[in-house]
Amino acid sequence: MKFVLDNSVVQRFGKPRVRETVERLRADHELTVCVPTLLEVGVSARDAADHARQQRILAAAMRVLEGSRDVDAAAQVIQGRLVARGQHRGPGPVDVLVAAHAVVEEAAVLHYDRDFELIEEHAGVPQRWVLPRGTADRG
């Protein structure tokens, strides 16, 4: 199986259980990251050097997925399905783009964000919590 990582996982790499889970998954599955996630990660950078370090580490650790017309089209379909079910106010544009990358890559989104459950329920995009909901941020 292939996974597209969401920022909710990247931001928790410092937590040992999250890091261990990601490393276990990486041993058996392809992990990828898309440009929208890299942009979200960049928002938390303390300065230009930290930004460059974060981007370099992620790009070295996994394949970076770039946007395409197929991703744009999948994002519009996903958002349309959410709108049709009145669920479009939760998942933001970046979540929708991450999910669209997963569709194009025939992958699942690896996350720690309940919005991806809504996207799966209403748009059919596979998702997997990196750890069970409510457990990653404990002690």
N, C-alpha and C. Protein backbone atom coordinates (compact mmCIF):
# COMPACT_ATOMS: atom_id res chain seq x y z
N MET A 1 0.84 -1.18 0.00
CA MET A 1 0.00 0.00 0.00
C MET A 1 0.88 1.24 0.00
N LYS A 2 0.38 2.28 -0.59
CA LYS A 2 1.08 3.56 -0.67
C LYS A 2 0.31 4.58 0.19
N PHE A 3 1.04 5.49 0.83
CA PHE A 3 0.42 6.52 1.65
C PHE A 3 0.90 7.90 1.23
N VAL A 4 0.00 8.88 1.33
CA VAL A 4 0.33 10.29 1.19
C VAL A 4 0.23 10.88 2.59
N LEU A 5 1.32 11.43 3.09
CA LEU A 5 1.33 11.97 4.45
C LEU A 5 0.68 13.34 4.52
N ASP A 6 -0.11 13.52 5.53
CA ASP A 6 -0.70 14.82 5.84
C ASP A 6 0.18 15.54 6.86
N ASN A 7 0.08 16.85 6.90
CA ASN A 7 0.83 17.65 7.86
C ASN A 7 0.56 17.26 9.30
N SER A 8 -0.63 16.75 9.58
CA SER A 8 -0.97 16.35 10.95
C SER A 8 -0.04 15.25 11.45
N VAL A 9 0.50 14.46 10.55
CA VAL A 9 1.50 13.44 10.91
C VAL A 9 2.87 14.07 11.02
N VAL A 10 3.24 14.87 10.02
CA VAL A 10 4.56 15.50 10.02
C VAL A 10 4.77 16.31 11.29
N GLN A 11 3.76 17.05 11.72
CA GLN A 11 3.89 17.89 12.91
C GLN A 11 4.04 17.07 14.19
N ARG A 12 3.75 15.80 14.12
CA ARG A 12 3.87 14.93 15.30
C ARG A 12 5.06 13.98 15.22
N PHE A 13 5.96 14.18 14.25
CA PHE A 13 7.15 13.33 14.15
C PHE A 13 7.97 13.32 15.43
N GLY A 14 7.91 14.40 16.19
CA GLY A 14 8.67 14.48 17.44
C GLY A 14 8.14 13.57 18.54
N LYS A 15 6.96 13.04 18.36
CA LYS A 15 6.37 12.13 19.34
C LYS A 15 6.84 10.71 19.01
N PRO A 16 7.50 10.05 19.96
CA PRO A 16 8.10 8.74 19.68
C PRO A 16 7.15 7.72 19.06
N ARG A 17 5.93 7.63 19.55
CA ARG A 17 5.00 6.63 19.00
C ARG A 17 4.63 6.92 17.56
N VAL A 18 4.49 8.20 17.22
CA VAL A 18 4.19 8.56 15.83
C VAL A 18 5.39 8.24 14.95
N ARG A 19 6.56 8.66 15.39
CA ARG A 19 7.78 8.41 14.60
C ARG A 19 7.98 6.90 14.39
N GLU A 20 7.79 6.10 15.44
CA GLU A 20 7.95 4.65 15.32
C GLU A 20 6.94 4.06 14.33
N THR A 21 5.71 4.52 14.38
CA THR A 21 4.68 4.02 13.46
C THR A 21 5.03 4.37 12.02
N VAL A 22 5.46 5.61 11.79
CA VAL A 22 5.82 6.02 10.44
C VAL A 22 7.02 5.21 9.94
N GLU A 23 8.00 4.99 10.79
CA GLU A 23 9.17 4.20 10.37
C GLU A 23 8.78 2.75 10.07
N ARG A 24 7.88 2.18 10.87
CA ARG A 24 7.40 0.81 10.59
C ARG A 24 6.68 0.76 9.25
N LEU A 25 5.83 1.74 9.00
CA LEU A 25 5.10 1.78 7.74
C LEU A 25 6.07 1.95 6.56
N ARG A 26 7.08 2.77 6.76
CA ARG A 26 8.03 3.03 5.68
C ARG A 26 8.81 1.78 5.30
N ALA A 27 8.96 0.87 6.23
CA ALA A 27 9.68 -0.38 5.94
C ALA A 27 8.91 -1.25 4.94
N ASP A 28 7.58 -1.16 4.96
CA ASP A 28 6.75 -2.04 4.14
C ASP A 28 5.92 -1.34 3.06
N HIS A 29 5.85 -0.02 3.10
CA HIS A 29 4.97 0.72 2.20
C HIS A 29 5.69 1.95 1.67
N GLU A 30 5.23 2.43 0.52
CA GLU A 30 5.77 3.68 0.00
C GLU A 30 5.08 4.85 0.68
N LEU A 31 5.88 5.74 1.25
CA LEU A 31 5.35 6.97 1.85
C LEU A 31 5.71 8.13 0.94
N THR A 32 4.73 8.99 0.68
CA THR A 32 4.95 10.15 -0.16
C THR A 32 4.44 11.39 0.57
N VAL A 33 4.86 12.53 0.08
CA VAL A 33 4.38 13.80 0.61
C VAL A 33 4.10 14.70 -0.59
N CYS A 34 3.03 15.48 -0.52
CA CYS A 34 2.69 16.35 -1.64
C CYS A 34 3.04 17.80 -1.32
N VAL A 35 3.13 18.60 -2.36
CA VAL A 35 3.52 20.00 -2.21
C VAL A 35 2.58 20.75 -1.25
N PRO A 36 1.25 20.56 -1.28
CA PRO A 36 0.43 21.26 -0.30
C PRO A 36 0.83 20.95 1.15
N THR A 37 1.22 19.71 1.43
CA THR A 37 1.69 19.38 2.78
C THR A 37 3.01 20.09 3.06
N LEU A 38 3.92 20.13 2.09
CA LEU A 38 5.18 20.85 2.29
C LEU A 38 4.92 22.32 2.60
N LEU A 39 3.93 22.91 1.94
CA LEU A 39 3.59 24.31 2.22
C LEU A 39 3.05 24.49 3.62
N GLU A 40 2.23 23.55 4.06
CA GLU A 40 1.72 23.62 5.45
C GLU A 40 2.86 23.47 6.44
N VAL A 41 3.77 22.54 6.18
CA VAL A 41 4.93 22.35 7.05
C VAL A 41 5.73 23.64 7.10
N GLY A 42 5.89 24.29 5.96
CA GLY A 42 6.67 25.53 5.90
C GLY A 42 6.13 26.65 6.76
N VAL A 43 4.83 26.64 7.01
CA VAL A 43 4.22 27.68 7.85
C VAL A 43 4.79 27.65 9.27
N SER A 44 5.18 26.47 9.74
CA SER A 44 5.68 26.36 11.11
C SER A 44 7.18 26.65 11.24
N ALA A 45 7.85 26.94 10.13
CA ALA A 45 9.29 27.20 10.17
C ALA A 45 9.58 28.46 10.99
N ARG A 46 10.66 28.38 11.78
CA ARG A 46 11.05 29.52 12.61
C ARG A 46 11.78 30.59 11.82
N ASP A 47 12.48 30.18 10.77
CA ASP A 47 13.22 31.12 9.93
C ASP A 47 13.56 30.41 8.62
N ALA A 48 14.28 31.10 7.75
CA ALA A 48 14.59 30.53 6.42
C ALA A 48 15.42 29.26 6.53
N ALA A 49 16.37 29.22 7.45
CA ALA A 49 17.21 28.02 7.60
C ALA A 49 16.37 26.83 8.06
N ASP A 50 15.46 27.05 9.00
CA ASP A 50 14.58 25.98 9.49
C ASP A 50 13.66 25.50 8.36
N HIS A 51 13.16 26.43 7.58
CA HIS A 51 12.31 26.08 6.44
C HIS A 51 13.07 25.19 5.46
N ALA A 52 14.27 25.60 5.10
CA ALA A 52 15.08 24.81 4.16
C ALA A 52 15.39 23.43 4.73
N ARG A 53 15.68 23.35 6.02
CA ARG A 53 15.98 22.07 6.68
C ARG A 53 14.78 21.15 6.64
N GLN A 54 13.61 21.66 6.99
CA GLN A 54 12.39 20.84 7.00
C GLN A 54 12.08 20.31 5.60
N GLN A 55 12.17 21.17 4.60
CA GLN A 55 11.87 20.76 3.23
C GLN A 55 12.87 19.72 2.75
N ARG A 56 14.14 19.93 3.06
CA ARG A 56 15.21 19.01 2.64
C ARG A 56 15.02 17.63 3.27
N ILE A 57 14.70 17.60 4.57
CA ILE A 57 14.50 16.33 5.27
C ILE A 57 13.35 15.54 4.67
N LEU A 58 12.23 16.20 4.44
CA LEU A 58 11.07 15.51 3.88
C LEU A 58 11.33 15.03 2.46
N ALA A 59 11.95 15.87 1.64
CA ALA A 59 12.23 15.49 0.25
C ALA A 59 13.22 14.34 0.19
N ALA A 60 14.15 14.26 1.15
CA ALA A 60 15.12 13.16 1.16
C ALA A 60 14.49 11.86 1.66
N ALA A 61 13.47 11.98 2.50
CA ALA A 61 12.87 10.80 3.13
C ALA A 61 11.82 10.12 2.27
N MET A 62 11.20 10.87 1.37
CA MET A 62 10.12 10.29 0.58
C MET A 62 9.92 11.05 -0.72
N ARG A 63 9.22 10.42 -1.63
CA ARG A 63 8.95 11.05 -2.93
C ARG A 63 7.98 12.21 -2.74
N VAL A 64 8.30 13.32 -3.40
CA VAL A 64 7.45 14.51 -3.35
C VAL A 64 6.53 14.49 -4.57
N LEU A 65 5.23 14.58 -4.31
CA LEU A 65 4.21 14.59 -5.36
C LEU A 65 3.90 16.03 -5.76
N GLU A 66 4.02 16.30 -7.03
CA GLU A 66 3.70 17.64 -7.53
C GLU A 66 2.28 17.66 -8.07
N GLY A 67 1.74 18.85 -8.18
CA GLY A 67 0.38 19.00 -8.69
C GLY A 67 0.29 18.65 -10.17
N SER A 68 -0.94 18.41 -10.61
CA SER A 68 -1.19 18.10 -12.02
C SER A 68 -2.66 18.40 -12.31
N ARG A 69 -3.01 18.34 -13.57
CA ARG A 69 -4.42 18.50 -13.93
C ARG A 69 -5.28 17.41 -13.32
N ASP A 70 -4.72 16.19 -13.24
CA ASP A 70 -5.46 15.09 -12.63
C ASP A 70 -5.74 15.36 -11.15
N VAL A 71 -4.75 15.91 -10.45
CA VAL A 71 -4.94 16.24 -9.03
C VAL A 71 -5.99 17.33 -8.90
N ASP A 72 -5.90 18.36 -9.74
CA ASP A 72 -6.89 19.44 -9.70
C ASP A 72 -8.30 18.91 -9.94
N ALA A 73 -8.44 18.04 -10.93
CA ALA A 73 -9.76 17.48 -11.24
C ALA A 73 -10.28 16.62 -10.09
N ALA A 74 -9.40 15.80 -9.50
CA ALA A 74 -9.81 14.97 -8.36
C ALA A 74 -10.23 15.83 -7.18
N ALA A 75 -9.51 16.93 -6.94
CA ALA A 75 -9.86 17.84 -5.84
C ALA A 75 -11.24 18.43 -6.04
N GLN A 76 -11.54 18.81 -7.27
CA GLN A 76 -12.86 19.38 -7.54
C GLN A 76 -13.97 18.34 -7.34
N VAL A 77 -13.70 17.10 -7.73
CA VAL A 77 -14.69 16.03 -7.52
C VAL A 77 -14.89 15.80 -6.02
N ILE A 78 -13.79 15.72 -5.27
CA ILE A 78 -13.89 15.49 -3.82
C ILE A 78 -14.68 16.61 -3.17
N GLN A 79 -14.32 17.85 -3.47
CA GLN A 79 -15.04 18.96 -2.85
C GLN A 79 -16.51 18.94 -3.27
N GLY A 80 -16.78 18.63 -4.53
CA GLY A 80 -18.17 18.55 -4.99
C GLY A 80 -18.97 17.52 -4.23
N ARG A 81 -18.36 16.37 -3.95
CA ARG A 81 -19.06 15.34 -3.18
C ARG A 81 -19.30 15.79 -1.75
N LEU A 82 -18.35 16.50 -1.18
CA LEU A 82 -18.55 17.03 0.18
C LEU A 82 -19.67 18.07 0.19
N VAL A 83 -19.68 18.94 -0.80
CA VAL A 83 -20.74 19.96 -0.89
C VAL A 83 -22.10 19.29 -1.03
N ALA A 84 -22.18 18.28 -1.88
CA ALA A 84 -23.46 17.60 -2.11
C ALA A 84 -24.03 17.00 -0.83
N ARG A 85 -23.17 16.71 0.11
CA ARG A 85 -23.61 16.12 1.38
C ARG A 85 -23.56 17.11 2.55
N GLY A 86 -23.31 18.38 2.23
CA GLY A 86 -23.28 19.42 3.26
C GLY A 86 -22.09 19.29 4.22
N GLN A 87 -21.01 18.69 3.76
CA GLN A 87 -19.85 18.45 4.63
C GLN A 87 -18.61 19.22 4.19
N HIS A 88 -18.78 20.26 3.41
CA HIS A 88 -17.65 20.98 2.82
C HIS A 88 -17.04 22.06 3.69
N ARG A 89 -17.61 22.34 4.83
CA ARG A 89 -17.07 23.39 5.69
C ARG A 89 -15.98 22.89 6.63
N GLY A 90 -15.86 21.56 6.77
CA GLY A 90 -14.83 21.00 7.65
C GLY A 90 -13.49 20.86 6.97
N PRO A 91 -13.35 19.93 6.04
CA PRO A 91 -12.07 19.75 5.37
C PRO A 91 -11.71 21.00 4.55
N GLY A 92 -10.54 21.54 4.81
CA GLY A 92 -10.10 22.72 4.08
C GLY A 92 -9.49 22.37 2.74
N PRO A 93 -9.14 23.40 1.96
CA PRO A 93 -8.57 23.17 0.63
C PRO A 93 -7.30 22.30 0.65
N VAL A 94 -6.45 22.45 1.64
CA VAL A 94 -5.24 21.62 1.68
C VAL A 94 -5.60 20.16 1.92
N ASP A 95 -6.54 19.90 2.83
CA ASP A 95 -6.98 18.52 3.06
C ASP A 95 -7.54 17.92 1.78
N VAL A 96 -8.31 18.69 1.05
CA VAL A 96 -8.90 18.20 -0.20
C VAL A 96 -7.79 17.91 -1.22
N LEU A 97 -6.78 18.78 -1.29
CA LEU A 97 -5.67 18.54 -2.23
C LEU A 97 -4.85 17.32 -1.83
N VAL A 98 -4.62 17.13 -0.53
CA VAL A 98 -3.89 15.94 -0.08
C VAL A 98 -4.68 14.69 -0.48
N ALA A 99 -5.98 14.72 -0.25
CA ALA A 99 -6.83 13.59 -0.64
C ALA A 99 -6.81 13.38 -2.15
N ALA A 100 -6.80 14.45 -2.91
CA ALA A 100 -6.76 14.33 -4.37
C ALA A 100 -5.45 13.68 -4.83
N HIS A 101 -4.35 14.02 -4.19
CA HIS A 101 -3.09 13.35 -4.51
C HIS A 101 -3.21 11.85 -4.23
N ALA A 102 -3.86 11.50 -3.13
CA ALA A 102 -4.04 10.09 -2.80
C ALA A 102 -4.86 9.39 -3.88
N VAL A 103 -5.89 10.04 -4.39
CA VAL A 103 -6.71 9.44 -5.45
C VAL A 103 -5.86 9.17 -6.68
N VAL A 104 -5.11 10.17 -7.10
CA VAL A 104 -4.29 10.04 -8.32
C VAL A 104 -3.21 8.97 -8.14
N GLU A 105 -2.66 8.88 -6.94
CA GLU A 105 -1.59 7.91 -6.66
C GLU A 105 -2.13 6.53 -6.30
N GLU A 106 -3.46 6.41 -6.22
CA GLU A 106 -4.09 5.16 -5.75
C GLU A 106 -3.51 4.77 -4.39
N ALA A 107 -3.54 5.74 -3.50
CA ALA A 107 -2.95 5.61 -2.17
C ALA A 107 -4.01 5.96 -1.12
N ALA A 108 -3.62 5.85 0.13
CA ALA A 108 -4.44 6.29 1.26
C ALA A 108 -3.75 7.47 1.91
N VAL A 109 -4.52 8.31 2.56
CA VAL A 109 -3.96 9.43 3.31
C VAL A 109 -3.60 8.92 4.70
N LEU A 110 -2.36 9.16 5.12
CA LEU A 110 -1.93 8.86 6.48
C LEU A 110 -2.01 10.16 7.25
N HIS A 111 -2.78 10.16 8.33
CA HIS A 111 -3.11 11.44 8.99
C HIS A 111 -3.35 11.26 10.48
N TYR A 112 -3.58 12.43 11.12
CA TYR A 112 -4.09 12.48 12.48
C TYR A 112 -5.06 13.67 12.52
N ASP A 113 -6.12 13.56 11.72
CA ASP A 113 -7.05 14.67 11.48
C ASP A 113 -8.40 14.09 11.08
N ARG A 114 -9.41 14.33 11.88
CA ARG A 114 -10.73 13.73 11.64
C ARG A 114 -11.37 14.14 10.32
N ASP A 115 -10.90 15.24 9.73
CA ASP A 115 -11.47 15.66 8.44
C ASP A 115 -11.30 14.59 7.36
N PHE A 116 -10.26 13.79 7.47
CA PHE A 116 -10.06 12.75 6.45
C PHE A 116 -11.06 11.61 6.60
N GLU A 117 -11.63 11.43 7.78
CA GLU A 117 -12.74 10.47 7.92
C GLU A 117 -13.95 10.96 7.12
N LEU A 118 -14.22 12.27 7.20
CA LEU A 118 -15.33 12.84 6.42
C LEU A 118 -15.08 12.69 4.93
N ILE A 119 -13.84 12.95 4.51
CA ILE A 119 -13.52 12.82 3.09
C ILE A 119 -13.70 11.37 2.64
N GLU A 120 -13.27 10.43 3.45
CA GLU A 120 -13.48 9.02 3.08
C GLU A 120 -14.96 8.69 3.03
N GLU A 121 -15.70 9.11 4.05
CA GLU A 121 -17.12 8.77 4.12
C GLU A 121 -17.91 9.34 2.95
N HIS A 122 -17.60 10.57 2.56
CA HIS A 122 -18.43 11.24 1.55
C HIS A 122 -17.82 11.26 0.15
N ALA A 123 -16.50 11.00 0.05
CA ALA A 123 -15.88 11.04 -1.28
C ALA A 123 -15.11 9.76 -1.60
N GLY A 124 -15.05 8.83 -0.63
CA GLY A 124 -14.45 7.53 -0.90
C GLY A 124 -12.94 7.47 -0.94
N VAL A 125 -12.26 8.48 -0.42
CA VAL A 125 -10.79 8.48 -0.44
C VAL A 125 -10.28 7.70 0.78
N PRO A 126 -9.51 6.64 0.56
CA PRO A 126 -9.02 5.84 1.69
C PRO A 126 -8.16 6.67 2.64
N GLN A 127 -8.28 6.36 3.92
CA GLN A 127 -7.51 7.07 4.93
C GLN A 127 -7.11 6.11 6.04
N ARG A 128 -6.06 6.50 6.76
CA ARG A 128 -5.61 5.71 7.91
C ARG A 128 -5.05 6.67 8.96
N TRP A 129 -5.52 6.51 10.18
CA TRP A 129 -4.96 7.27 11.29
C TRP A 129 -3.55 6.74 11.58
N VAL A 130 -2.59 7.62 11.82
CA VAL A 130 -1.24 7.18 12.15
C VAL A 130 -1.22 6.44 13.48
N LEU A 131 -2.03 6.88 14.41
CA LEU A 131 -2.31 6.22 15.69
C LEU A 131 -3.80 6.37 15.94
N PRO A 132 -4.38 5.55 16.78
CA PRO A 132 -5.82 5.71 17.04
C PRO A 132 -6.15 7.13 17.49
N ARG A 133 -7.29 7.60 17.01
CA ARG A 133 -7.75 8.94 17.33
C ARG A 133 -7.72 9.19 18.83
N GLY A 134 -7.17 10.34 19.22
CA GLY A 134 -7.12 10.74 20.62
C GLY A 134 -5.94 10.21 21.39
N THR A 135 -5.01 9.50 20.73
CA THR A 135 -3.90 8.89 21.48
C THR A 135 -2.53 9.52 21.17
N ALA A 136 -2.36 10.17 20.06
CA ALA A 136 -1.03 10.65 19.65
C ALA A 136 -0.50 11.76 20.54
N ASP A 137 -1.37 12.59 21.07
CA ASP A 137 -0.92 13.74 21.83
C ASP A 137 -0.84 13.50 23.33
N ARG A 138 -1.08 12.28 23.75
CA ARG A 138 -0.95 11.93 25.17
C ARG A 138 0.51 11.76 25.53
N GLY A 139 0.86 12.22 26.73
CA GLY A 139 2.17 12.06 27.33
C GLY A 139 3.20 11.59 26.50
